[in-house]
Amino acid sequence: MTYVRVAALGELEEDTPKRVEVDGTPVSIVRTEGEVFAIHDICSHANVSLSEGEVEDCAIECWLHGSTFDLRTGKPSGLPATRPVPVYPVKIEGDGPDASVLVSITQES
């Protein structure tokens, strides 16, 4: 897998999504419950940015219709969304607020 640096750990506020692009793919980065998650930034129900929604209980809510998606699996836990969104592996390199947050949107073939 190829990882791309998307932020410094200190740039991520707890429970506040940050939208980034990785090779043209919109990704929402979320720091919550002591971990960092990467999830596709577009809701599977409507063409809406998930990074504009709220985070609670390791889930992100689509602000437009209220669907929530598990940050670990991408599975929806509330209607109207019925399809999951992709989640991506995250690595942290280094220590402290300057540690690099890296995301991979590619898989080995």
Protein backbone atom coordinates (compact mmCIF):
# COMPACT_ATOMS: atom_id res chain seq x y z
CA MET A 1 0.00 0.00 0.00
CA THR A 2 1.05 3.55 -0.68
CA TYR A 3 0.53 6.00 2.16
CA VAL A 4 0.21 9.77 1.72
CA ARG A 5 0.76 12.35 4.47
CA VAL A 6 -2.46 14.30 4.98
CA ALA A 7 -1.88 16.25 8.20
CA ALA A 8 0.11 16.61 11.39
CA LEU A 9 -1.59 14.97 14.37
CA GLY A 10 -1.75 18.35 16.14
CA GLU A 11 -3.83 19.78 13.27
CA LEU A 12 -6.70 17.40 14.05
CA GLU A 13 -9.16 18.59 16.67
CA GLU A 14 -10.99 15.92 18.67
CA ASP A 15 -14.36 15.00 17.10
CA THR A 16 -13.95 17.58 14.31
CA PRO A 17 -13.70 16.12 10.79
CA LYS A 18 -11.08 17.52 8.41
CA ARG A 19 -11.56 17.17 4.66
CA VAL A 20 -8.49 16.30 2.60
CA GLU A 21 -7.89 14.94 -0.88
CA VAL A 22 -5.69 11.93 -1.52
CA ASP A 23 -4.88 11.49 -5.21
CA GLY A 24 -8.14 13.23 -6.12
CA THR A 25 -10.27 11.22 -3.67
CA PRO A 26 -12.15 13.22 -1.00
CA VAL A 27 -11.41 11.83 2.46
CA SER A 28 -12.62 12.89 5.89
CA ILE A 29 -10.01 12.51 8.64
CA VAL A 30 -11.41 12.20 12.16
CA ARG A 31 -9.58 12.08 15.49
CA THR A 32 -11.86 10.56 18.13
CA GLU A 33 -11.68 8.22 21.10
CA GLY A 34 -7.87 8.19 20.98
CA GLU A 35 -7.65 7.04 17.34
CA VAL A 36 -7.55 8.58 13.88
CA PHE A 37 -9.90 7.36 11.16
CA ALA A 38 -10.17 8.01 7.43
CA ILE A 39 -13.51 7.62 5.66
CA HIS A 40 -14.68 8.56 2.15
CA ASP A 41 -15.97 12.11 2.43
CA ILE A 42 -19.10 11.71 0.28
CA CYS A 43 -22.32 10.26 1.73
CA SER A 44 -23.55 7.13 -0.08
CA HIS A 45 -27.13 8.45 -0.03
CA ALA A 46 -26.56 11.94 -1.43
CA ASN A 47 -23.63 13.86 -2.86
CA VAL A 48 -22.89 15.58 0.46
CA SER A 49 -19.58 16.07 2.28
CA LEU A 50 -19.47 14.02 5.49
CA SER A 51 -16.71 16.25 6.89
CA GLU A 52 -19.39 18.91 7.44
CA GLY A 53 -21.24 16.60 9.84
CA GLU A 54 -20.87 15.87 13.54
CA VAL A 55 -18.92 13.06 15.19
CA GLU A 56 -20.22 11.07 18.14
CA ASP A 57 -19.66 7.53 19.44
CA CYS A 58 -17.13 6.70 16.67
CA ALA A 59 -19.64 7.64 13.95
CA ILE A 60 -20.00 10.57 11.58
CA GLU A 61 -23.39 12.02 10.71
CA CYS A 62 -24.37 13.35 7.30
CA TRP A 63 -25.65 16.85 8.04
CA LEU A 64 -28.25 16.85 5.25
CA HIS A 65 -30.42 13.80 6.00
CA GLY A 66 -29.03 12.51 9.30
CA SER A 67 -27.56 9.15 8.22
CA THR A 68 -24.65 8.05 10.40
CA PHE A 69 -21.65 5.99 9.35
CA ASP A 70 -19.36 3.93 11.57
CA LEU A 71 -15.84 5.36 11.29
CA ARG A 72 -14.31 1.88 11.68
CA THR A 73 -16.34 0.07 9.00
CA GLY A 74 -18.12 2.70 6.90
CA LYS A 75 -21.45 0.94 7.47
CA PRO A 76 -24.52 3.13 7.84
CA SER A 77 -26.37 2.90 11.12
CA GLY A 78 -29.29 5.11 10.25
CA LEU A 79 -31.56 5.74 7.29
CA PRO A 80 -31.86 7.00 4.66
CA ALA A 81 -28.39 5.66 3.71
CA THR A 82 -28.30 1.91 3.11
CA ARG A 83 -24.89 1.51 1.44
CA PRO A 84 -21.55 1.78 3.27
CA VAL A 85 -18.83 4.26 2.34
CA PRO A 86 -15.18 3.20 2.01
CA VAL A 87 -12.84 3.48 4.97
CA TYR A 88 -9.09 3.75 4.53
CA PRO A 89 -6.08 2.58 6.58
CA VAL A 90 -4.32 5.23 8.68
CA LYS A 91 -0.76 5.22 10.05
CA ILE A 92 0.78 7.66 12.51
CA GLU A 93 4.53 8.23 12.19
CA GLY A 94 6.38 10.07 14.90
CA ASP A 95 5.33 11.38 18.29
CA GLY A 96 3.48 14.35 19.66
CA PRO A 97 1.59 17.02 17.74
CA ASP A 98 4.12 16.96 14.87
CA ALA A 99 3.50 13.25 14.16
CA SER A 100 2.49 12.61 10.56
CA VAL A 101 -0.96 11.24 9.76
CA LEU A 102 -0.77 9.05 6.67
CA VAL A 103 -3.66 7.54 4.69
CA SER A 104 -3.72 4.91 1.97
CA ILE A 105 -6.49 4.75 -0.61
CA THR A 106 -4.72 2.07 -2.65
CA GLN A 107 -4.59 -1.66 -2.08
CA GLU A 108 -1.82 -4.01 -3.10
CA SER A 109 -2.72 -6.04 -6.16
